Amino acid sequence: MYKTSFGQYFKIIEFDYSYKDGFSIKSKDHSFKIQNRKSKTVEMSYPIKMGIDIYSEKDTIAMISELLKIEGDKRPCILPVICYNSLRSEIFMGETKQYSLQVEALFIINQLYFSHPFNYSPFPALFDERDESILTMNEKGIAKAYAQYRQWFAEIKTVGLSVARERKIYPLNGSIRWY
């Protein structure tokens, strides 16, 4: 069973003991089910507003810390790569139609930090401007994104969430950005 202090903030339910088929995250009135393509059931809902008004700064920091631990989970997420920003009428033009659970973790972090997360990250896919590659399953590119998120996380822990949001301190500040 996947054990973490994350359970203090989210209730994690395993679909099997080997952590093969993903997991469900439940918190207060919100739930996420993160599963790979082998799972028999598929459910996912993103709240319109998640972290800004619902959780304390301490809880938000703790949840982000736990989500960063999902780095390296290359299993595919069951959800398709689509635009979650209802104000944009774009479609995903990449060849791959799936992304890894580690990318999903970063996508959820954005929902905890930003008041309008789908403006910052409309698609659950990363893009490297240097070579114009789409990073949904690319291990090296995703590792670079995680390095930037960890650097950002250290900074927001130091200055505090409110100040970081006010100063518009964003997780990605190099050639990698959200698609």
C-alpha atoms as a PDB file:
ATOM      1  CA  MET A   1       0.000   0.000   0.000  1.00  0.00           C
ATOM      2  CA  TYR A   2       1.254   3.502  -0.849  1.00  0.00           C
ATOM      3  CA  LYS A   3       2.033   5.202   2.457  1.00  0.00           C
ATOM      4  CA  THR A   4       2.619   8.903   2.873  1.00  0.00           C
ATOM      5  CA  SER A   5       1.802  11.796   5.170  1.00  0.00           C
ATOM      6  CA  PHE A   6      -0.375  12.920   2.255  1.00  0.00           C
ATOM      7  CA  GLY A   7      -3.169  11.006   4.021  1.00  0.00           C
ATOM      8  CA  GLN A   8      -3.401  13.812   6.541  1.00  0.00           C
ATOM      9  CA  TYR A   9      -4.772  16.015   3.767  1.00  0.00           C
ATOM     10  CA  PHE A  10      -6.048  13.520   1.215  1.00  0.00           C
ATOM     11  CA  LYS A  11      -7.498  10.075   1.668  1.00  0.00           C
ATOM     12  CA  ILE A  12      -5.703   7.816  -0.775  1.00  0.00           C
ATOM     13  CA  ILE A  13      -7.390   4.587  -1.806  1.00  0.00           C
ATOM     14  CA  GLU A  14      -5.431   1.945  -3.675  1.00  0.00           C
ATOM     15  CA  PHE A  15      -7.053   0.040  -6.493  1.00  0.00           C
ATOM     16  CA  ASP A  16      -4.613  -2.778  -5.862  1.00  0.00           C
ATOM     17  CA  TYR A  17      -1.817  -3.336  -3.393  1.00  0.00           C
ATOM     18  CA  SER A  18       0.942  -3.099  -5.978  1.00  0.00           C
ATOM     19  CA  TYR A  19      -0.075   0.469  -6.921  1.00  0.00           C
ATOM     20  CA  LYS A  20      -0.495  -0.735 -10.524  1.00  0.00           C
ATOM     21  CA  ASP A  21      -3.790   0.845 -11.428  1.00  0.00           C
ATOM     22  CA  GLY A  22      -3.443   4.288  -9.926  1.00  0.00           C
ATOM     23  CA  PHE A  23      -5.047   5.826  -6.904  1.00  0.00           C
ATOM     24  CA  SER A  24      -7.925   7.940  -5.753  1.00  0.00           C
ATOM     25  CA  ILE A  25      -7.437  11.186  -3.883  1.00  0.00           C
ATOM     26  CA  LYS A  26     -10.288  12.511  -1.806  1.00  0.00           C
ATOM     27  CA  SER A  27     -10.252  15.712   0.165  1.00  0.00           C
ATOM     28  CA  LYS A  28     -13.166  17.484   1.764  1.00  0.00           C
ATOM     29  CA  ASP A  29     -15.616  18.062  -1.102  1.00  0.00           C
ATOM     30  CA  HIS A  30     -13.189  17.337  -3.926  1.00  0.00           C
ATOM     31  CA  SER A  31     -12.003  14.102  -5.410  1.00  0.00           C
ATOM     32  CA  PHE A  32      -9.570  12.985  -8.049  1.00  0.00           C
ATOM     33  CA  LYS A  33      -9.187   9.483  -9.342  1.00  0.00           C
ATOM     34  CA  ILE A  34      -5.862   9.023 -11.010  1.00  0.00           C
ATOM     35  CA  GLN A  35      -5.693   5.749 -12.869  1.00  0.00           C
ATOM     36  CA  ASN A  36      -3.743   4.197 -15.661  1.00  0.00           C
ATOM     37  CA  ARG A  37      -5.267   2.844 -18.849  1.00  0.00           C
ATOM     38  CA  LYS A  38      -5.641  -0.696 -17.471  1.00  0.00           C
ATOM     39  CA  SER A  39      -8.183   0.373 -14.857  1.00  0.00           C
ATOM     40  CA  LYS A  40     -11.748  -0.765 -15.377  1.00  0.00           C
ATOM     41  CA  THR A  41     -13.377   2.385 -14.041  1.00  0.00           C
ATOM     42  CA  VAL A  42     -12.624   5.908 -15.153  1.00  0.00           C
ATOM     43  CA  GLU A  43     -13.605   8.946 -13.133  1.00  0.00           C
ATOM     44  CA  MET A  44     -12.036  12.361 -12.928  1.00  0.00           C
ATOM     45  CA  SER A  45     -13.264  15.741 -11.964  1.00  0.00           C
ATOM     46  CA  TYR A  46     -11.321  18.902 -11.423  1.00  0.00           C
ATOM     47  CA  PRO A  47     -12.831  21.482  -9.093  1.00  0.00           C
ATOM     48  CA  ILE A  48     -13.175  24.965 -10.554  1.00  0.00           C
ATOM     49  CA  LYS A  49     -11.257  26.422  -7.633  1.00  0.00           C
ATOM     50  CA  MET A  50      -9.180  24.214  -5.410  1.00  0.00           C
ATOM     51  CA  GLY A  51      -6.347  25.508  -3.282  1.00  0.00           C
ATOM     52  CA  ILE A  52      -6.643  29.249  -2.878  1.00  0.00           C
ATOM     53  CA  ASP A  53      -9.672  29.465  -0.602  1.00  0.00           C
ATOM     54  CA  ILE A  54     -10.111  25.918   0.624  1.00  0.00           C
ATOM     55  CA  TYR A  55      -6.846  25.017   2.355  1.00  0.00           C
ATOM     56  CA  SER A  56      -4.598  26.810   4.792  1.00  0.00           C
ATOM     57  CA  GLU A  57      -1.138  27.804   3.627  1.00  0.00           C
ATOM     58  CA  LYS A  58       0.384  25.049   5.763  1.00  0.00           C
ATOM     59  CA  ASP A  59      -1.876  22.389   4.229  1.00  0.00           C
ATOM     60  CA  THR A  60      -1.297  23.629   0.676  1.00  0.00           C
ATOM     61  CA  ILE A  61       2.480  23.522   1.185  1.00  0.00           C
ATOM     62  CA  ALA A  62       2.216  19.992   2.608  1.00  0.00           C
ATOM     63  CA  MET A  63       0.078  18.793  -0.308  1.00  0.00           C
ATOM     64  CA  ILE A  64       2.452  20.261  -2.887  1.00  0.00           C
ATOM     65  CA  SER A  65       5.355  18.578  -1.108  1.00  0.00           C
ATOM     66  CA  GLU A  66       3.601  15.212  -1.318  1.00  0.00           C
ATOM     67  CA  LEU A  67       2.633  15.654  -4.965  1.00  0.00           C
ATOM     68  CA  LEU A  68       6.271  16.367  -5.852  1.00  0.00           C
ATOM     69  CA  LYS A  69       7.081  12.860  -4.559  1.00  0.00           C
ATOM     70  CA  ILE A  70       5.183  11.387  -7.519  1.00  0.00           C
ATOM     71  CA  GLU A  71       8.112  12.314  -9.761  1.00  0.00           C
ATOM     72  CA  GLY A  72       9.284   9.294 -11.704  1.00  0.00           C
ATOM     73  CA  ASP A  73       5.870   7.630 -11.984  1.00  0.00           C
ATOM     74  CA  LYS A  74       5.883   7.018 -15.727  1.00  0.00           C
ATOM     75  CA  ARG A  75       2.641   5.085 -15.872  1.00  0.00           C
ATOM     76  CA  PRO A  76       0.088   6.646 -18.214  1.00  0.00           C
ATOM     77  CA  CYS A  77      -2.832   8.612 -16.821  1.00  0.00           C
ATOM     78  CA  ILE A  78      -6.221   7.467 -18.093  1.00  0.00           C
ATOM     79  CA  LEU A  79      -7.298  10.998 -18.941  1.00  0.00           C
ATOM     80  CA  PRO A  80      -6.838  12.352 -22.443  1.00  0.00           C
ATOM     81  CA  VAL A  81      -4.718  15.378 -23.237  1.00  0.00           C
ATOM     82  CA  ILE A  82      -7.443  18.000 -23.703  1.00  0.00           C
ATOM     83  CA  CYS A  83      -7.871  21.694 -22.927  1.00  0.00           C
ATOM     84  CA  TYR A  84      -9.389  22.224 -19.475  1.00  0.00           C
ATOM     85  CA  ASN A  85      -9.732  25.980 -19.929  1.00  0.00           C
ATOM     86  CA  SER A  86     -13.342  26.524 -21.005  1.00  0.00           C
ATOM     87  CA  LEU A  87     -12.464  29.979 -22.364  1.00  0.00           C
ATOM     88  CA  ARG A  88     -10.086  28.558 -24.977  1.00  0.00           C
ATOM     89  CA  SER A  89     -11.222  26.685 -28.047  1.00  0.00           C
ATOM     90  CA  GLU A  90      -8.038  24.791 -28.754  1.00  0.00           C
ATOM     91  CA  ILE A  91      -7.347  21.161 -29.387  1.00  0.00           C
ATOM     92  CA  PHE A  92      -4.194  19.247 -28.590  1.00  0.00           C
ATOM     93  CA  MET A  93      -2.148  18.834 -31.763  1.00  0.00           C
ATOM     94  CA  GLY A  94       0.458  16.468 -30.366  1.00  0.00           C
ATOM     95  CA  GLU A  95       0.831  12.924 -31.608  1.00  0.00           C
ATOM     96  CA  THR A  96       0.552  11.315 -28.197  1.00  0.00           C
ATOM     97  CA  LYS A  97      -2.845  11.273 -26.568  1.00  0.00           C
ATOM     98  CA  GLN A  98      -1.704  10.258 -23.098  1.00  0.00           C
ATOM     99  CA  TYR A  99       0.514  11.628 -20.369  1.00  0.00           C
ATOM    100  CA  SER A 100       2.177  10.207 -17.274  1.00  0.00           C
ATOM    101  CA  LEU A 101       0.981  10.318 -13.681  1.00  0.00           C
ATOM    102  CA  GLN A 102       3.986  12.473 -12.783  1.00  0.00           C
ATOM    103  CA  VAL A 103       2.700  15.144 -15.205  1.00  0.00           C
ATOM    104  CA  GLU A 104      -0.757  14.811 -13.621  1.00  0.00           C
ATOM    105  CA  ALA A 105       0.819  15.537 -10.214  1.00  0.00           C
ATOM    106  CA  LEU A 106       2.270  18.822 -11.537  1.00  0.00           C
ATOM    107  CA  PHE A 107      -1.109  19.629 -13.105  1.00  0.00           C
ATOM    108  CA  ILE A 108      -2.781  19.165  -9.689  1.00  0.00           C
ATOM    109  CA  ILE A 109      -0.106  21.337  -8.021  1.00  0.00           C
ATOM    110  CA  ASN A 110      -1.125  24.153 -10.366  1.00  0.00           C
ATOM    111  CA  GLN A 111      -4.705  23.757  -9.156  1.00  0.00           C
ATOM    112  CA  LEU A 112      -3.557  24.153  -5.571  1.00  0.00           C
ATOM    113  CA  TYR A 113      -1.477  27.268  -6.281  1.00  0.00           C
ATOM    114  CA  PHE A 114      -3.263  29.300  -8.951  1.00  0.00           C
ATOM    115  CA  SER A 115      -6.680  30.921  -8.615  1.00  0.00           C
ATOM    116  CA  HIS A 116      -7.207  30.200 -12.335  1.00  0.00           C
ATOM    117  CA  PRO A 117      -4.969  27.174 -12.913  1.00  0.00           C
ATOM    118  CA  PHE A 118      -6.219  26.383 -16.400  1.00  0.00           C
ATOM    119  CA  ASN A 119      -5.058  29.796 -17.605  1.00  0.00           C
ATOM    120  CA  TYR A 120      -1.519  28.817 -16.574  1.00  0.00           C
ATOM    121  CA  SER A 121      -1.765  25.189 -17.651  1.00  0.00           C
ATOM    122  CA  PRO A 122      -4.726  24.624 -19.981  1.00  0.00           C
ATOM    123  CA  PHE A 123      -3.485  21.191 -21.127  1.00  0.00           C
ATOM    124  CA  PRO A 124      -1.849  18.444 -19.019  1.00  0.00           C
ATOM    125  CA  ALA A 125       1.191  18.482 -21.301  1.00  0.00           C
ATOM    126  CA  LEU A 126       4.517  20.255 -21.084  1.00  0.00           C
ATOM    127  CA  PHE A 127       6.281  21.897 -24.029  1.00  0.00           C
ATOM    128  CA  ASP A 128       9.996  22.531 -24.525  1.00  0.00           C
ATOM    129  CA  GLU A 129      10.443  25.724 -26.552  1.00  0.00           C
ATOM    130  CA  ARG A 130      14.066  24.903 -27.432  1.00  0.00           C
ATOM    131  CA  ASP A 131      13.267  21.912 -29.613  1.00  0.00           C
ATOM    132  CA  GLU A 132       9.479  22.376 -29.778  1.00  0.00           C
ATOM    133  CA  SER A 133       8.879  18.940 -28.268  1.00  0.00           C
ATOM    134  CA  ILE A 134       5.779  17.980 -26.333  1.00  0.00           C
ATOM    135  CA  LEU A 135       6.602  16.443 -22.978  1.00  0.00           C
ATOM    136  CA  THR A 136       3.911  14.066 -21.818  1.00  0.00           C
ATOM    137  CA  MET A 137       5.991  10.923 -21.374  1.00  0.00           C
ATOM    138  CA  ASN A 138       9.520  12.295 -22.030  1.00  0.00           C
ATOM    139  CA  GLU A 139      11.539  11.440 -18.937  1.00  0.00           C
ATOM    140  CA  LYS A 140      14.375  13.975 -19.358  1.00  0.00           C
ATOM    141  CA  GLY A 141      12.065  16.898 -20.119  1.00  0.00           C
ATOM    142  CA  ILE A 142       9.738  16.067 -17.248  1.00  0.00           C
ATOM    143  CA  ALA A 143      12.732  15.780 -14.898  1.00  0.00           C
ATOM    144  CA  LYS A 144      13.715  19.341 -15.907  1.00  0.00           C
ATOM    145  CA  ALA A 145      10.179  20.514 -15.133  1.00  0.00           C
ATOM    146  CA  TYR A 146      10.329  18.824 -11.716  1.00  0.00           C
ATOM    147  CA  ALA A 147      13.669  20.519 -11.010  1.00  0.00           C
ATOM    148  CA  GLN A 148      12.059  23.895 -11.750  1.00  0.00           C
ATOM    149  CA  TYR A 149       9.014  23.035  -9.614  1.00  0.00           C
ATOM    150  CA  ARG A 150      11.305  22.064  -6.707  1.00  0.00           C
ATOM    151  CA  GLN A 151      13.209  25.348  -7.019  1.00  0.00           C
ATOM    152  CA  TRP A 152       9.891  27.250  -7.134  1.00  0.00           C
ATOM    153  CA  PHE A 153       8.627  25.240  -4.154  1.00  0.00           C
ATOM    154  CA  ALA A 154      11.684  26.166  -2.074  1.00  0.00           C
ATOM    155  CA  GLU A 155      11.067  29.826  -2.901  1.00  0.00           C
ATOM    156  CA  ILE A 156       7.346  29.807  -2.067  1.00  0.00           C
ATOM    157  CA  LYS A 157       8.059  28.049   1.230  1.00  0.00           C
ATOM    158  CA  THR A 158      10.474  30.867   2.073  1.00  0.00           C
ATOM    159  CA  VAL A 159       8.324  33.844   1.056  1.00  0.00           C
ATOM    160  CA  GLY A 160       4.903  32.301   1.724  1.00  0.00           C
ATOM    161  CA  LEU A 161       2.059  31.480  -0.640  1.00  0.00           C
ATOM    162  CA  SER A 162       0.312  34.845  -0.446  1.00  0.00           C
ATOM    163  CA  VAL A 163       3.474  36.787  -1.225  1.00  0.00           C
ATOM    164  CA  ALA A 164       4.458  34.329  -3.975  1.00  0.00           C
ATOM    165  CA  ARG A 165       1.054  34.675  -5.616  1.00  0.00           C
ATOM    166  CA  GLU A 166       1.183  38.456  -5.288  1.00  0.00           C
ATOM    167  CA  ARG A 167       4.667  38.558  -6.848  1.00  0.00           C
ATOM    168  CA  LYS A 168       3.505  36.131  -9.561  1.00  0.00           C
ATOM    169  CA  ILE A 169       6.239  33.622  -8.832  1.00  0.00           C
ATOM    170  CA  TYR A 170       5.517  30.815 -11.286  1.00  0.00           C
ATOM    171  CA  PRO A 171       6.841  27.255 -11.227  1.00  0.00           C
ATOM    172  CA  LEU A 172       8.217  27.134 -14.771  1.00  0.00           C
ATOM    173  CA  ASN A 173      10.596  29.902 -15.772  1.00  0.00           C
ATOM    174  CA  GLY A 174      12.841  28.390 -18.426  1.00  0.00           C
ATOM    175  CA  SER A 175      12.300  26.903 -21.843  1.00  0.00           C
ATOM    176  CA  ILE A 176       9.785  24.394 -20.499  1.00  0.00           C
ATOM    177  CA  ARG A 177       6.214  25.609 -20.193  1.00  0.00           C
ATOM    178  CA  TRP A 178       2.697  24.200 -20.192  1.00  0.00           C
ATOM    179  CA  TYR A 179       1.265  23.461 -23.637  1.00  0.00           C
END
